[in-house]
Amino acid sequence: MGRYICCFCDESIEENVTALMVETNWSDNNEDNKEFQQLFCHFDCLKGMLCKSEYLYISEG
């Protein structure tokens, strides 16, 4: 497995990598203005950063 670092805690992710896809200019219909970036994190770190755990509809697999 490649080396992944959690974008929240800055620790290495050894297994069960969670990826977030960030898209800018979401409401802009011009595809040229959109940018994407993939970020990696621990699932528990992601859950801990949410103000309400109900926002996360998935579970760690």
PDB file of N, CA and C in Angstrom:
ATOM      1  N   MET A   1       0.847  -1.174   0.000  1.00  0.00           N
ATOM      2  CA  MET A   1       0.000   0.000   0.000  1.00  0.00           C
ATOM      3  C   MET A   1       0.894   1.239   0.000  1.00  0.00           C
ATOM      4  N   GLY A   2       0.454   2.274  -0.678  1.00  0.00           N
ATOM      5  CA  GLY A   2       1.201   3.524  -0.696  1.00  0.00           C
ATOM      6  C   GLY A   2       1.154   4.217   0.648  1.00  0.00           C
ATOM      7  N   ARG A   3       1.900   5.274   0.753  1.00  0.00           N
ATOM      8  CA  ARG A   3       1.949   6.006   2.014  1.00  0.00           C
ATOM      9  C   ARG A   3       0.886   7.104   1.995  1.00  0.00           C
ATOM     10  N   TYR A   4      -0.014   7.068   2.952  1.00  0.00           N
ATOM     11  CA  TYR A   4      -1.069   8.063   3.080  1.00  0.00           C
ATOM     12  C   TYR A   4      -0.946   8.744   4.437  1.00  0.00           C
ATOM     13  N   ILE A   5      -1.172  10.047   4.457  1.00  0.00           N
ATOM     14  CA  ILE A   5      -1.128  10.830   5.688  1.00  0.00           C
ATOM     15  C   ILE A   5      -2.502  11.455   5.897  1.00  0.00           C
ATOM     16  N   CYS A   6      -3.031  11.367   7.095  1.00  0.00           N
ATOM     17  CA  CYS A   6      -4.340  11.922   7.422  1.00  0.00           C
ATOM     18  C   CYS A   6      -4.291  13.448   7.378  1.00  0.00           C
ATOM     19  N   CYS A   7      -5.231  14.060   6.652  1.00  0.00           N
ATOM     20  CA  CYS A   7      -5.261  15.514   6.526  1.00  0.00           C
ATOM     21  C   CYS A   7      -5.755  16.197   7.803  1.00  0.00           C
ATOM     22  N   PHE A   8      -6.250  15.433   8.772  1.00  0.00           N
ATOM     23  CA  PHE A   8      -6.723  16.008  10.028  1.00  0.00           C
ATOM     24  C   PHE A   8      -5.703  15.880  11.154  1.00  0.00           C
ATOM     25  N   CYS A   9      -5.130  14.678  11.332  1.00  0.00           N
ATOM     26  CA  CYS A   9      -4.214  14.471  12.461  1.00  0.00           C
ATOM     27  C   CYS A   9      -2.752  14.402  12.042  1.00  0.00           C
ATOM     28  N   ASP A  10      -2.480  14.359  10.739  1.00  0.00           N
ATOM     29  CA  ASP A  10      -1.131  14.325  10.189  1.00  0.00           C
ATOM     30  C   ASP A  10      -0.372  13.038  10.529  1.00  0.00           C
ATOM     31  N   GLU A  11      -1.102  11.977  10.885  1.00  0.00           N
ATOM     32  CA  GLU A  11      -0.499  10.678  11.174  1.00  0.00           C
ATOM     33  C   GLU A  11      -0.644   9.767   9.956  1.00  0.00           C
ATOM     34  N   SER A  12       0.220   8.777   9.871  1.00  0.00           N
ATOM     35  CA  SER A  12       0.190   7.809   8.776  1.00  0.00           C
ATOM     36  C   SER A  12      -1.088   6.963   8.846  1.00  0.00           C
ATOM     37  N   ILE A  13      -1.628   6.620   7.678  1.00  0.00           N
ATOM     38  CA  ILE A  13      -2.791   5.740   7.593  1.00  0.00           C
ATOM     39  C   ILE A  13      -2.291   4.383   7.131  1.00  0.00           C
ATOM     40  N   GLU A  14      -2.415   3.390   7.987  1.00  0.00           N
ATOM     41  CA  GLU A  14      -1.864   2.071   7.694  1.00  0.00           C
ATOM     42  C   GLU A  14      -2.855   1.168   6.966  1.00  0.00           C
ATOM     43  N   GLU A  15      -4.151   1.327   7.220  1.00  0.00           N
ATOM     44  CA  GLU A  15      -5.178   0.501   6.562  1.00  0.00           C
ATOM     45  C   GLU A  15      -6.490   1.271   6.542  1.00  0.00           C
ATOM     46  N   ASN A  16      -7.436   0.788   5.750  1.00  0.00           N
ATOM     47  CA  ASN A  16      -8.754   1.412   5.632  1.00  0.00           C
ATOM     48  C   ASN A  16      -8.660   2.905   5.327  1.00  0.00           C
ATOM     49  N   VAL A  17      -7.984   3.240   4.249  1.00  0.00           N
ATOM     50  CA  VAL A  17      -7.812   4.637   3.850  1.00  0.00           C
ATOM     51  C   VAL A  17      -9.164   5.222   3.447  1.00  0.00           C
ATOM     52  N   THR A  18      -9.488   6.376   3.970  1.00  0.00           N
ATOM     53  CA  THR A  18     -10.688   7.113   3.586  1.00  0.00           C
ATOM     54  C   THR A  18     -10.249   8.275   2.724  1.00  0.00           C
ATOM     55  N   ALA A  19     -10.918   8.475   1.605  1.00  0.00           N
ATOM     56  CA  ALA A  19     -10.577   9.567   0.694  1.00  0.00           C
ATOM     57  C   ALA A  19     -11.740  10.540   0.600  1.00  0.00           C
ATOM     58  N   LEU A  20     -11.420  11.816   0.622  1.00  0.00           N
ATOM     59  CA  LEU A  20     -12.409  12.875   0.437  1.00  0.00           C
ATOM     60  C   LEU A  20     -12.128  13.546  -0.893  1.00  0.00           C
ATOM     61  N   MET A  21     -13.164  13.847  -1.646  1.00  0.00           N
ATOM     62  CA  MET A  21     -12.997  14.576  -2.897  1.00  0.00           C
ATOM     63  C   MET A  21     -13.540  15.991  -2.681  1.00  0.00           C
ATOM     64  N   VAL A  22     -12.690  16.969  -2.855  1.00  0.00           N
ATOM     65  CA  VAL A  22     -13.069  18.370  -2.701  1.00  0.00           C
ATOM     66  C   VAL A  22     -13.247  18.963  -4.094  1.00  0.00           C
ATOM     67  N   GLU A  23     -14.387  19.593  -4.310  1.00  0.00           N
ATOM     68  CA  GLU A  23     -14.663  20.251  -5.592  1.00  0.00           C
ATOM     69  C   GLU A  23     -14.947  21.718  -5.319  1.00  0.00           C
ATOM     70  N   THR A  24     -14.227  22.599  -5.998  1.00  0.00           N
ATOM     71  CA  THR A  24     -14.481  24.029  -5.857  1.00  0.00           C
ATOM     72  C   THR A  24     -15.444  24.477  -6.947  1.00  0.00           C
ATOM     73  N   ASN A  25     -16.084  25.594  -6.718  1.00  0.00           N
ATOM     74  CA  ASN A  25     -17.052  26.168  -7.670  1.00  0.00           C
ATOM     75  C   ASN A  25     -18.157  25.175  -7.994  1.00  0.00           C
ATOM     76  N   TRP A  26     -18.706  24.558  -6.976  1.00  0.00           N
ATOM     77  CA  TRP A  26     -19.736  23.526  -7.101  1.00  0.00           C
ATOM     78  C   TRP A  26     -20.941  24.017  -7.905  1.00  0.00           C
ATOM     79  N   SER A  27     -21.397  25.233  -7.650  1.00  0.00           N
ATOM     80  CA  SER A  27     -22.614  25.716  -8.292  1.00  0.00           C
ATOM     81  C   SER A  27     -22.361  26.368  -9.648  1.00  0.00           C
ATOM     82  N   ASP A  28     -21.117  26.486 -10.042  1.00  0.00           N
ATOM     83  CA  ASP A  28     -20.780  27.100 -11.322  1.00  0.00           C
ATOM     84  C   ASP A  28     -20.964  26.074 -12.433  1.00  0.00           C
ATOM     85  N   ASN A  29     -21.732  26.418 -13.447  1.00  0.00           N
ATOM     86  CA  ASN A  29     -21.985  25.493 -14.553  1.00  0.00           C
ATOM     87  C   ASN A  29     -20.825  25.398 -15.532  1.00  0.00           C
ATOM     88  N   ASN A  30     -19.836  26.260 -15.405  1.00  0.00           N
ATOM     89  CA  ASN A  30     -18.677  26.259 -16.294  1.00  0.00           C
ATOM     90  C   ASN A  30     -17.643  25.260 -15.760  1.00  0.00           C
ATOM     91  N   GLU A  31     -17.491  24.141 -16.451  1.00  0.00           N
ATOM     92  CA  GLU A  31     -16.563  23.097 -16.002  1.00  0.00           C
ATOM     93  C   GLU A  31     -15.114  23.584 -15.934  1.00  0.00           C
ATOM     94  N   ASP A  32     -14.768  24.617 -16.702  1.00  0.00           N
ATOM     95  CA  ASP A  32     -13.403  25.150 -16.685  1.00  0.00           C
ATOM     96  C   ASP A  32     -13.073  25.819 -15.359  1.00  0.00           C
ATOM     97  N   ASN A  33     -14.071  26.233 -14.594  1.00  0.00           N
ATOM     98  CA  ASN A  33     -13.849  26.907 -13.311  1.00  0.00           C
ATOM     99  C   ASN A  33     -13.761  25.936 -12.146  1.00  0.00           C
ATOM    100  N   LYS A  34     -14.060  24.672 -12.382  1.00  0.00           N
ATOM    101  CA  LYS A  34     -14.060  23.690 -11.299  1.00  0.00           C
ATOM    102  C   LYS A  34     -12.658  23.110 -11.099  1.00  0.00           C
ATOM    103  N   GLU A  35     -12.333  22.874  -9.845  1.00  0.00           N
ATOM    104  CA  GLU A  35     -11.082  22.196  -9.510  1.00  0.00           C
ATOM    105  C   GLU A  35     -11.393  21.095  -8.511  1.00  0.00           C
ATOM    106  N   PHE A  36     -10.591  20.036  -8.541  1.00  0.00           N
ATOM    107  CA  PHE A  36     -10.798  18.887  -7.677  1.00  0.00           C
ATOM    108  C   PHE A  36      -9.495  18.539  -6.963  1.00  0.00           C
ATOM    109  N   GLN A  37      -9.637  18.075  -5.736  1.00  0.00           N
ATOM    110  CA  GLN A  37      -8.484  17.573  -4.999  1.00  0.00           C
ATOM    111  C   GLN A  37      -8.951  16.423  -4.120  1.00  0.00           C
ATOM    112  N   GLN A  38      -8.167  15.373  -4.069  1.00  0.00           N
ATOM    113  CA  GLN A  38      -8.462  14.234  -3.207  1.00  0.00           C
ATOM    114  C   GLN A  38      -7.616  14.354  -1.947  1.00  0.00           C
ATOM    115  N   LEU A  39      -8.257  14.215  -0.798  1.00  0.00           N
ATOM    116  CA  LEU A  39      -7.587  14.257   0.499  1.00  0.00           C
ATOM    117  C   LEU A  39      -7.816  12.916   1.191  1.00  0.00           C
ATOM    118  N   PHE A  40      -6.881  12.520   2.028  1.00  0.00           N
ATOM    119  CA  PHE A  40      -6.958  11.232   2.718  1.00  0.00           C
ATOM    120  C   PHE A  40      -7.046  11.451   4.220  1.00  0.00           C
ATOM    121  N   CYS A  41      -7.740  10.540   4.901  1.00  0.00           N
ATOM    122  CA  CYS A  41      -7.883  10.690   6.354  1.00  0.00           C
ATOM    123  C   CYS A  41      -8.252   9.349   6.981  1.00  0.00           C
ATOM    124  N   HIS A  42      -8.135   9.309   8.301  1.00  0.00           N
ATOM    125  CA  HIS A  42      -8.688   8.197   9.063  1.00  0.00           C
ATOM    126  C   HIS A  42     -10.199   8.426   9.152  1.00  0.00           C
ATOM    127  N   PHE A  43     -10.970   7.370   9.063  1.00  0.00           N
ATOM    128  CA  PHE A  43     -12.427   7.502   9.155  1.00  0.00           C
ATOM    129  C   PHE A  43     -12.825   8.125  10.493  1.00  0.00           C
ATOM    130  N   ASP A  44     -12.182   7.699  11.581  1.00  0.00           N
ATOM    131  CA  ASP A  44     -12.513   8.247  12.904  1.00  0.00           C
ATOM    132  C   ASP A  44     -12.163   9.729  12.997  1.00  0.00           C
ATOM    133  N   CYS A  45     -11.106  10.165  12.329  1.00  0.00           N
ATOM    134  CA  CYS A  45     -10.765  11.592  12.328  1.00  0.00           C
ATOM    135  C   CYS A  45     -11.845  12.397  11.606  1.00  0.00           C
ATOM    136  N   LEU A  46     -12.314  11.864  10.485  1.00  0.00           N
ATOM    137  CA  LEU A  46     -13.389  12.530   9.750  1.00  0.00           C
ATOM    138  C   LEU A  46     -14.633  12.639  10.616  1.00  0.00           C
ATOM    139  N   LYS A  47     -15.033  11.545  11.244  1.00  0.00           N
ATOM    140  CA  LYS A  47     -16.206  11.563  12.119  1.00  0.00           C
ATOM    141  C   LYS A  47     -16.036  12.575  13.243  1.00  0.00           C
ATOM    142  N   GLY A  48     -14.837  12.648  13.797  1.00  0.00           N
ATOM    143  CA  GLY A  48     -14.581  13.563  14.906  1.00  0.00           C
ATOM    144  C   GLY A  48     -14.608  15.031  14.508  1.00  0.00           C
ATOM    145  N   MET A  49     -14.416  15.328  13.240  1.00  0.00           N
ATOM    146  CA  MET A  49     -14.399  16.711  12.781  1.00  0.00           C
ATOM    147  C   MET A  49     -15.797  17.234  12.431  1.00  0.00           C
ATOM    148  N   LEU A  50     -16.750  16.348  12.278  1.00  0.00           N
ATOM    149  CA  LEU A  50     -18.105  16.764  11.925  1.00  0.00           C
ATOM    150  C   LEU A  50     -18.826  17.340  13.135  1.00  0.00           C
ATOM    151  N   CYS A  51     -19.573  18.410  12.930  1.00  0.00           N
ATOM    152  CA  CYS A  51     -20.313  18.982  14.058  1.00  0.00           C
ATOM    153  C   CYS A  51     -21.495  18.095  14.447  1.00  0.00           C
ATOM    154  N   LYS A  52     -22.007  17.289  13.503  1.00  0.00           N
ATOM    155  CA  LYS A  52     -23.059  16.321  13.787  1.00  0.00           C
ATOM    156  C   LYS A  52     -22.692  15.015  13.083  1.00  0.00           C
ATOM    157  N   SER A  53     -22.613  13.952  13.831  1.00  0.00           N
ATOM    158  CA  SER A  53     -22.234  12.670  13.234  1.00  0.00           C
ATOM    159  C   SER A  53     -23.275  12.191  12.218  1.00  0.00           C
ATOM    160  N   GLU A  54     -24.498  12.726  12.284  1.00  0.00           N
ATOM    161  CA  GLU A  54     -25.554  12.333  11.343  1.00  0.00           C
ATOM    162  C   GLU A  54     -25.239  12.761   9.910  1.00  0.00           C
ATOM    163  N   TYR A  55     -24.306  13.698   9.733  1.00  0.00           N
ATOM    164  CA  TYR A  55     -23.941  14.133   8.382  1.00  0.00           C
ATOM    165  C   TYR A  55     -23.228  13.036   7.597  1.00  0.00           C
ATOM    166  N   LEU A  56     -22.684  12.073   8.294  1.00  0.00           N
ATOM    167  CA  LEU A  56     -21.946  10.987   7.652  1.00  0.00           C
ATOM    168  C   LEU A  56     -22.857   9.767   7.550  1.00  0.00           C
ATOM    169  N   TYR A  57     -23.256   9.435   6.333  1.00  0.00           N
ATOM    170  CA  TYR A  57     -24.203   8.346   6.116  1.00  0.00           C
ATOM    171  C   TYR A  57     -23.519   7.006   5.869  1.00  0.00           C
ATOM    172  N   ILE A  58     -22.219   6.999   5.759  1.00  0.00           N
ATOM    173  CA  ILE A  58     -21.494   5.762   5.494  1.00  0.00           C
ATOM    174  C   ILE A  58     -20.824   5.279   6.776  1.00  0.00           C
ATOM    175  N   SER A  59     -20.371   4.051   6.758  1.00  0.00           N
ATOM    176  CA  SER A  59     -19.627   3.523   7.903  1.00  0.00           C
ATOM    177  C   SER A  59     -18.311   2.952   7.397  1.00  0.00           C
ATOM    178  N   GLU A  60     -17.367   2.830   8.290  1.00  0.00           N
ATOM    179  CA  GLU A  60     -16.072   2.290   7.903  1.00  0.00           C
ATOM    180  C   GLU A  60     -16.240   0.824   7.551  1.00  0.00           C
ATOM    181  N   GLY A  61     -15.726   0.457   6.384  1.00  0.00           N
ATOM    182  CA  GLY A  61     -15.922  -0.907   5.890  1.00  0.00           C
ATOM    183  C   GLY A  61     -14.856  -1.805   6.168  1.00  0.00           C
TER     184      GLY A  61
END
